[in-house]
Amino acid sequence: MELFSQPFIQATRHTLSTPGIVVLGTIPVPKGKPLALVEEIRNRPDVMVFSVTKENRNHLLTEIVTCVQSGRK
């Protein structure tokens, strides 16, 4: 429901556009009709998307922590 709330969309855009802010979040896997805000976030040049699978889920922690820490510098 949040994806259809204008205050949520505006707050999300503002937060992602604020310099020095690191956001760790989840977005749904694309299927069916694309959600505009999700696709906007997915296509931002400053966004890193990790696809979690059964095969890689136990090895992603280090990579994600490194990515978040490098964004804080």
PDB file of N, CA and C in Angstrom:
ATOM      1  N   MET A   1       0.814  -1.197   0.000  1.00  0.00           N
ATOM      2  CA  MET A   1       0.000   0.000   0.000  1.00  0.00           C
ATOM      3  C   MET A   1       0.859   1.264   0.000  1.00  0.00           C
ATOM      4  N   GLU A   2       2.017   1.226   0.631  1.00  0.00           N
ATOM      5  CA  GLU A   2       2.867   2.405   0.691  1.00  0.00           C
ATOM      6  C   GLU A   2       3.246   2.892  -0.699  1.00  0.00           C
ATOM      7  N   LEU A   3       3.376   1.958  -1.639  1.00  0.00           N
ATOM      8  CA  LEU A   3       3.805   2.320  -2.988  1.00  0.00           C
ATOM      9  C   LEU A   3       2.787   3.184  -3.713  1.00  0.00           C
ATOM     10  N   PHE A   4       1.594   3.316  -3.171  1.00  0.00           N
ATOM     11  CA  PHE A   4       0.553   4.140  -3.773  1.00  0.00           C
ATOM     12  C   PHE A   4       0.292   5.402  -2.948  1.00  0.00           C
ATOM     13  N   SER A   5       1.082   5.622  -1.910  1.00  0.00           N
ATOM     14  CA  SER A   5       0.928   6.775  -1.025  1.00  0.00           C
ATOM     15  C   SER A   5       1.883   7.886  -1.464  1.00  0.00           C
ATOM     16  N   GLN A   6       1.335   9.032  -1.865  1.00  0.00           N
ATOM     17  CA  GLN A   6       2.183  10.139  -2.313  1.00  0.00           C
ATOM     18  C   GLN A   6       3.149  10.615  -1.219  1.00  0.00           C
ATOM     19  N   PRO A   7       2.730  10.738   0.045  1.00  0.00           N
ATOM     20  CA  PRO A   7       3.702  11.130   1.075  1.00  0.00           C
ATOM     21  C   PRO A   7       4.862  10.132   1.190  1.00  0.00           C
ATOM     22  N   PHE A   8       4.570   8.838   1.092  1.00  0.00           N
ATOM     23  CA  PHE A   8       5.627   7.823   1.155  1.00  0.00           C
ATOM     24  C   PHE A   8       6.555   7.943  -0.044  1.00  0.00           C
ATOM     25  N   ILE A   9       5.995   8.106  -1.231  1.00  0.00           N
ATOM     26  CA  ILE A   9       6.800   8.234  -2.449  1.00  0.00           C
ATOM     27  C   ILE A   9       7.703   9.455  -2.355  1.00  0.00           C
ATOM     28  N   GLN A  10       7.165  10.582  -1.922  1.00  0.00           N
ATOM     29  CA  GLN A  10       7.961  11.806  -1.788  1.00  0.00           C
ATOM     30  C   GLN A  10       9.061  11.637  -0.743  1.00  0.00           C
ATOM     31  N   ALA A  11       8.738  11.024   0.390  1.00  0.00           N
ATOM     32  CA  ALA A  11       9.739  10.814   1.442  1.00  0.00           C
ATOM     33  C   ALA A  11      10.840   9.878   0.964  1.00  0.00           C
ATOM     34  N   THR A  12      10.471   8.849   0.213  1.00  0.00           N
ATOM     35  CA  THR A  12      11.456   7.908  -0.321  1.00  0.00           C
ATOM     36  C   THR A  12      12.389   8.607  -1.295  1.00  0.00           C
ATOM     37  N   ARG A  13      11.830   9.368  -2.219  1.00  0.00           N
ATOM     38  CA  ARG A  13      12.648  10.103  -3.193  1.00  0.00           C
ATOM     39  C   ARG A  13      13.577  11.089  -2.490  1.00  0.00           C
ATOM     40  N   HIS A  14      13.044  11.797  -1.504  1.00  0.00           N
ATOM     41  CA  HIS A  14      13.860  12.770  -0.767  1.00  0.00           C
ATOM     42  C   HIS A  14      15.013  12.070  -0.045  1.00  0.00           C
ATOM     43  N   THR A  15      14.723  10.987   0.632  1.00  0.00           N
ATOM     44  CA  THR A  15      15.752  10.260   1.377  1.00  0.00           C
ATOM     45  C   THR A  15      16.833   9.737   0.446  1.00  0.00           C
ATOM     46  N   LEU A  16      16.443   9.139  -0.667  1.00  0.00           N
ATOM     47  CA  LEU A  16      17.426   8.583  -1.601  1.00  0.00           C
ATOM     48  C   LEU A  16      18.255   9.667  -2.282  1.00  0.00           C
ATOM     49  N   SER A  17      17.737  10.887  -2.351  1.00  0.00           N
ATOM     50  CA  SER A  17      18.458  11.985  -3.001  1.00  0.00           C
ATOM     51  C   SER A  17      19.296  12.807  -2.029  1.00  0.00           C
ATOM     52  N   THR A  18      19.232  12.492  -0.753  1.00  0.00           N
ATOM     53  CA  THR A  18      19.980  13.245   0.250  1.00  0.00           C
ATOM     54  C   THR A  18      21.418  12.752   0.309  1.00  0.00           C
ATOM     55  N   PRO A  19      22.387  13.653   0.057  1.00  0.00           N
ATOM     56  CA  PRO A  19      23.797  13.237   0.118  1.00  0.00           C
ATOM     57  C   PRO A  19      24.168  12.722   1.506  1.00  0.00           C
ATOM     58  N   GLY A  20      25.007  11.695   1.535  1.00  0.00           N
ATOM     59  CA  GLY A  20      25.507  11.156   2.792  1.00  0.00           C
ATOM     60  C   GLY A  20      24.593  10.144   3.458  1.00  0.00           C
ATOM     61  N   ILE A  21      23.430   9.911   2.897  1.00  0.00           N
ATOM     62  CA  ILE A  21      22.489   8.952   3.474  1.00  0.00           C
ATOM     63  C   ILE A  21      22.680   7.597   2.793  1.00  0.00           C
ATOM     64  N   VAL A  22      22.831   6.544   3.597  1.00  0.00           N
ATOM     65  CA  VAL A  22      22.912   5.183   3.073  1.00  0.00           C
ATOM     66  C   VAL A  22      21.621   4.476   3.472  1.00  0.00           C
ATOM     67  N   VAL A  23      20.959   3.882   2.505  1.00  0.00           N
ATOM     68  CA  VAL A  23      19.697   3.186   2.752  1.00  0.00           C
ATOM     69  C   VAL A  23      19.879   1.717   2.392  1.00  0.00           C
ATOM     70  N   LEU A  24      19.508   0.844   3.304  1.00  0.00           N
ATOM     71  CA  LEU A  24      19.484  -0.592   3.028  1.00  0.00           C
ATOM     72  C   LEU A  24      18.021  -1.008   3.067  1.00  0.00           C
ATOM     73  N   GLY A  25      17.525  -1.510   1.956  1.00  0.00           N
ATOM     74  CA  GLY A  25      16.110  -1.858   1.891  1.00  0.00           C
ATOM     75  C   GLY A  25      15.877  -3.057   1.004  1.00  0.00           C
ATOM     76  N   THR A  26      14.636  -3.396   0.844  1.00  0.00           N
ATOM     77  CA  THR A  26      14.260  -4.494  -0.041  1.00  0.00           C
ATOM     78  C   THR A  26      13.256  -3.981  -1.060  1.00  0.00           C
ATOM     79  N   ILE A  27      13.325  -4.556  -2.258  1.00  0.00           N
ATOM     80  CA  ILE A  27      12.338  -4.266  -3.289  1.00  0.00           C
ATOM     81  C   ILE A  27      11.873  -5.596  -3.870  1.00  0.00           C
ATOM     82  N   PRO A  28      10.651  -5.640  -4.362  1.00  0.00           N
ATOM     83  CA  PRO A  28      10.150  -6.914  -4.879  1.00  0.00           C
ATOM     84  C   PRO A  28      10.802  -7.307  -6.199  1.00  0.00           C
ATOM     85  N   VAL A  29      10.859  -8.592  -6.436  1.00  0.00           N
ATOM     86  CA  VAL A  29      11.349  -9.129  -7.701  1.00  0.00           C
ATOM     87  C   VAL A  29      10.362  -8.710  -8.786  1.00  0.00           C
ATOM     88  N   PRO A  30      10.876  -8.244  -9.945  1.00  0.00           N
ATOM     89  CA  PRO A  30       9.946  -7.828 -10.995  1.00  0.00           C
ATOM     90  C   PRO A  30       9.115  -8.998 -11.520  1.00  0.00           C
ATOM     91  N   LYS A  31       7.828  -8.831 -11.505  1.00  0.00           N
ATOM     92  CA  LYS A  31       6.914  -9.811 -12.101  1.00  0.00           C
ATOM     93  C   LYS A  31       5.575  -9.114 -12.288  1.00  0.00           C
ATOM     94  N   GLY A  32       4.898  -9.463 -13.335  1.00  0.00           N
ATOM     95  CA  GLY A  32       3.621  -8.812 -13.605  1.00  0.00           C
ATOM     96  C   GLY A  32       3.816  -7.362 -14.005  1.00  0.00           C
ATOM     97  N   LYS A  33       2.866  -6.525 -13.626  1.00  0.00           N
ATOM     98  CA  LYS A  33       2.900  -5.103 -13.961  1.00  0.00           C
ATOM     99  C   LYS A  33       3.964  -4.395 -13.120  1.00  0.00           C
ATOM    100  N   PRO A  34       4.886  -3.657 -13.770  1.00  0.00           N
ATOM    101  CA  PRO A  34       5.926  -2.952 -13.014  1.00  0.00           C
ATOM    102  C   PRO A  34       5.324  -1.877 -12.103  1.00  0.00           C
ATOM    103  N   LEU A  35       5.933  -1.707 -10.955  1.00  0.00           N
ATOM    104  CA  LEU A  35       5.543  -0.658 -10.016  1.00  0.00           C
ATOM    105  C   LEU A  35       6.478   0.524 -10.242  1.00  0.00           C
ATOM    106  N   ALA A  36       5.924   1.687 -10.541  1.00  0.00           N
ATOM    107  CA  ALA A  36       6.718   2.844 -10.956  1.00  0.00           C
ATOM    108  C   ALA A  36       7.825   3.192  -9.961  1.00  0.00           C
ATOM    109  N   LEU A  37       7.505   3.304  -8.687  1.00  0.00           N
ATOM    110  CA  LEU A  37       8.517   3.685  -7.700  1.00  0.00           C
ATOM    111  C   LEU A  37       9.604   2.626  -7.585  1.00  0.00           C
ATOM    112  N   VAL A  38       9.225   1.369  -7.616  1.00  0.00           N
ATOM    113  CA  VAL A  38      10.206   0.281  -7.519  1.00  0.00           C
ATOM    114  C   VAL A  38      11.158   0.330  -8.707  1.00  0.00           C
ATOM    115  N   GLU A  39      10.629   0.522  -9.896  1.00  0.00           N
ATOM    116  CA  GLU A  39      11.481   0.584 -11.087  1.00  0.00           C
ATOM    117  C   GLU A  39      12.360   1.823 -11.067  1.00  0.00           C
ATOM    118  N   GLU A  40      11.833   2.932 -10.567  1.00  0.00           N
ATOM    119  CA  GLU A  40      12.623   4.157 -10.430  1.00  0.00           C
ATOM    120  C   GLU A  40      13.813   3.917  -9.503  1.00  0.00           C
ATOM    121  N   ILE A  41      13.578   3.265  -8.386  1.00  0.00           N
ATOM    122  CA  ILE A  41      14.652   2.964  -7.434  1.00  0.00           C
ATOM    123  C   ILE A  41      15.639   1.984  -8.050  1.00  0.00           C
ATOM    124  N   ARG A  42      15.138   0.924  -8.650  1.00  0.00           N
ATOM    125  CA  ARG A  42      15.986  -0.105  -9.248  1.00  0.00           C
ATOM    126  C   ARG A  42      16.921   0.489 -10.314  1.00  0.00           C
ATOM    127  N   ASN A  43      16.462   1.494 -11.046  1.00  0.00           N
ATOM    128  CA  ASN A  43      17.228   2.063 -12.153  1.00  0.00           C
ATOM    129  C   ASN A  43      18.103   3.248 -11.773  1.00  0.00           C
ATOM    130  N   ARG A  44      18.109   3.636 -10.511  1.00  0.00           N
ATOM    131  CA  ARG A  44      18.979   4.744 -10.087  1.00  0.00           C
ATOM    132  C   ARG A  44      20.440   4.318 -10.213  1.00  0.00           C
ATOM    133  N   PRO A  45      21.307   5.219 -10.707  1.00  0.00           N
ATOM    134  CA  PRO A  45      22.720   4.850 -10.850  1.00  0.00           C
ATOM    135  C   PRO A  45      23.435   4.660  -9.509  1.00  0.00           C
ATOM    136  N   ASP A  46      22.873   5.198  -8.431  1.00  0.00           N
ATOM    137  CA  ASP A  46      23.505   5.083  -7.116  1.00  0.00           C
ATOM    138  C   ASP A  46      22.906   3.956  -6.278  1.00  0.00           C
ATOM    139  N   VAL A  47      22.154   3.075  -6.902  1.00  0.00           N
ATOM    140  CA  VAL A  47      21.533   1.948  -6.192  1.00  0.00           C
ATOM    141  C   VAL A  47      22.202   0.647  -6.603  1.00  0.00           C
ATOM    142  N   MET A  48      22.520  -0.169  -5.624  1.00  0.00           N
ATOM    143  CA  MET A  48      23.071  -1.501  -5.856  1.00  0.00           C
ATOM    144  C   MET A  48      21.987  -2.505  -5.487  1.00  0.00           C
ATOM    145  N   VAL A  49      21.625  -3.365  -6.425  1.00  0.00           N
ATOM    146  CA  VAL A  49      20.602  -4.380  -6.181  1.00  0.00           C
ATOM    147  C   VAL A  49      21.278  -5.739  -6.079  1.00  0.00           C
ATOM    148  N   PHE A  50      21.027  -6.426  -4.990  1.00  0.00           N
ATOM    149  CA  PHE A  50      21.524  -7.784  -4.788  1.00  0.00           C
ATOM    150  C   PHE A  50      20.346  -8.736  -4.946  1.00  0.00           C
ATOM    151  N   SER A  51      20.481  -9.710  -5.795  1.00  0.00           N
ATOM    152  CA  SER A  51      19.454 -10.744  -5.929  1.00  0.00           C
ATOM    153  C   SER A  51      19.829 -11.897  -5.008  1.00  0.00           C
ATOM    154  N   VAL A  52      18.951 -12.184  -4.069  1.00  0.00           N
ATOM    155  CA  VAL A  52      19.210 -13.241  -3.096  1.00  0.00           C
ATOM    156  C   VAL A  52      18.578 -14.538  -3.601  1.00  0.00           C
ATOM    157  N   THR A  53      19.401 -15.573  -3.670  1.00  0.00           N
ATOM    158  CA  THR A  53      18.923 -16.892  -4.081  1.00  0.00           C
ATOM    159  C   THR A  53      19.270 -17.899  -2.991  1.00  0.00           C
ATOM    160  N   LYS A  54      18.729 -19.073  -3.113  1.00  0.00           N
ATOM    161  CA  LYS A  54      19.048 -20.137  -2.161  1.00  0.00           C
ATOM    162  C   LYS A  54      20.548 -20.435  -2.198  1.00  0.00           C
ATOM    163  N   GLU A  55      21.131 -20.340  -3.386  1.00  0.00           N
ATOM    164  CA  GLU A  55      22.545 -20.675  -3.551  1.00  0.00           C
ATOM    165  C   GLU A  55      23.484 -19.610  -2.979  1.00  0.00           C
ATOM    166  N   ASN A  56      23.096 -18.320  -3.022  1.00  0.00           N
ATOM    167  CA  ASN A  56      24.028 -17.273  -2.597  1.00  0.00           C
ATOM    168  C   ASN A  56      23.675 -16.611  -1.267  1.00  0.00           C
ATOM    169  N   ARG A  57      22.552 -16.953  -0.689  1.00  0.00           N
ATOM    170  CA  ARG A  57      22.086 -16.224   0.493  1.00  0.00           C
ATOM    171  C   ARG A  57      23.035 -16.273   1.680  1.00  0.00           C
ATOM    172  N   ASN A  58      23.825 -17.318   1.810  1.00  0.00           N
ATOM    173  CA  ASN A  58      24.742 -17.424   2.945  1.00  0.00           C
ATOM    174  C   ASN A  58      26.061 -16.700   2.707  1.00  0.00           C
ATOM    175  N   HIS A  59      26.291 -16.226   1.493  1.00  0.00           N
ATOM    176  CA  HIS A  59      27.560 -15.583   1.166  1.00  0.00           C
ATOM    177  C   HIS A  59      27.422 -14.088   0.895  1.00  0.00           C
ATOM    178  N   LEU A  60      26.235 -13.565   0.922  1.00  0.00           N
ATOM    179  CA  LEU A  60      26.014 -12.163   0.575  1.00  0.00           C
ATOM    180  C   LEU A  60      26.310 -11.188   1.704  1.00  0.00           C
ATOM    181  N   LEU A  61      26.284 -11.627   2.937  1.00  0.00           N
ATOM    182  CA  LEU A  61      26.428 -10.713   4.066  1.00  0.00           C
ATOM    183  C   LEU A  61      27.676  -9.854   3.952  1.00  0.00           C
ATOM    184  N   THR A  62      28.822 -10.457   3.712  1.00  0.00           N
ATOM    185  CA  THR A  62      30.075  -9.704   3.631  1.00  0.00           C
ATOM    186  C   THR A  62      30.012  -8.670   2.517  1.00  0.00           C
ATOM    187  N   GLU A  63      29.494  -9.057   1.373  1.00  0.00           N
ATOM    188  CA  GLU A  63      29.408  -8.137   0.234  1.00  0.00           C
ATOM    189  C   GLU A  63      28.471  -6.959   0.531  1.00  0.00           C
ATOM    190  N   ILE A  64      27.360  -7.234   1.174  1.00  0.00           N
ATOM    191  CA  ILE A  64      26.410  -6.172   1.506  1.00  0.00           C
ATOM    192  C   ILE A  64      26.990  -5.240   2.560  1.00  0.00           C
ATOM    193  N   VAL A  65      27.625  -5.783   3.586  1.00  0.00           N
ATOM    194  CA  VAL A  65      28.240  -4.954   4.631  1.00  0.00           C
ATOM    195  C   VAL A  65      29.318  -4.064   4.023  1.00  0.00           C
ATOM    196  N   THR A  66      30.144  -4.609   3.154  1.00  0.00           N
ATOM    197  CA  THR A  66      31.191  -3.826   2.495  1.00  0.00           C
ATOM    198  C   THR A  66      30.577  -2.694   1.675  1.00  0.00           C
ATOM    199  N   CYS A  67      29.530  -2.992   0.955  1.00  0.00           N
ATOM    200  CA  CYS A  67      28.855  -1.991   0.132  1.00  0.00           C
ATOM    201  C   CYS A  67      28.281  -0.864   1.000  1.00  0.00           C
ATOM    202  N   VAL A  68      27.624  -1.209   2.088  1.00  0.00           N
ATOM    203  CA  VAL A  68      27.048  -0.203   2.980  1.00  0.00           C
ATOM    204  C   VAL A  68      28.151   0.638   3.610  1.00  0.00           C
ATOM    205  N   GLN A  69      29.218   0.003   4.070  1.00  0.00           N
ATOM    206  CA  GLN A  69      30.315   0.741   4.692  1.00  0.00           C
ATOM    207  C   GLN A  69      30.996   1.671   3.702  1.00  0.00           C
ATOM    208  N   SER A  70      31.166   1.262   2.465  1.00  0.00           N
ATOM    209  CA  SER A  70      31.816   2.126   1.478  1.00  0.00           C
ATOM    210  C   SER A  70      30.930   3.316   1.131  1.00  0.00           C
ATOM    211  N   GLY A  71      29.633   3.171   1.250  1.00  0.00           N
ATOM    212  CA  GLY A  71      28.719   4.278   0.998  1.00  0.00           C
ATOM    213  C   GLY A  71      28.709   5.300   2.107  1.00  0.00           C
ATOM    214  N   ARG A  72      29.197   4.929   3.271  1.00  0.00           N
ATOM    215  CA  ARG A  72      29.224   5.835   4.424  1.00  0.00           C
ATOM    216  C   ARG A  72      30.433   6.736   4.413  1.00  0.00           C
ATOM    217  N   LYS A  73      31.387   6.488   3.518  1.00  0.00           N
ATOM    218  CA  LYS A  73      32.627   7.278   3.516  1.00  0.00           C
ATOM    219  C   LYS A  73      32.488   8.507   2.660  1.00  0.00           C
TER     220      LYS A  73
END
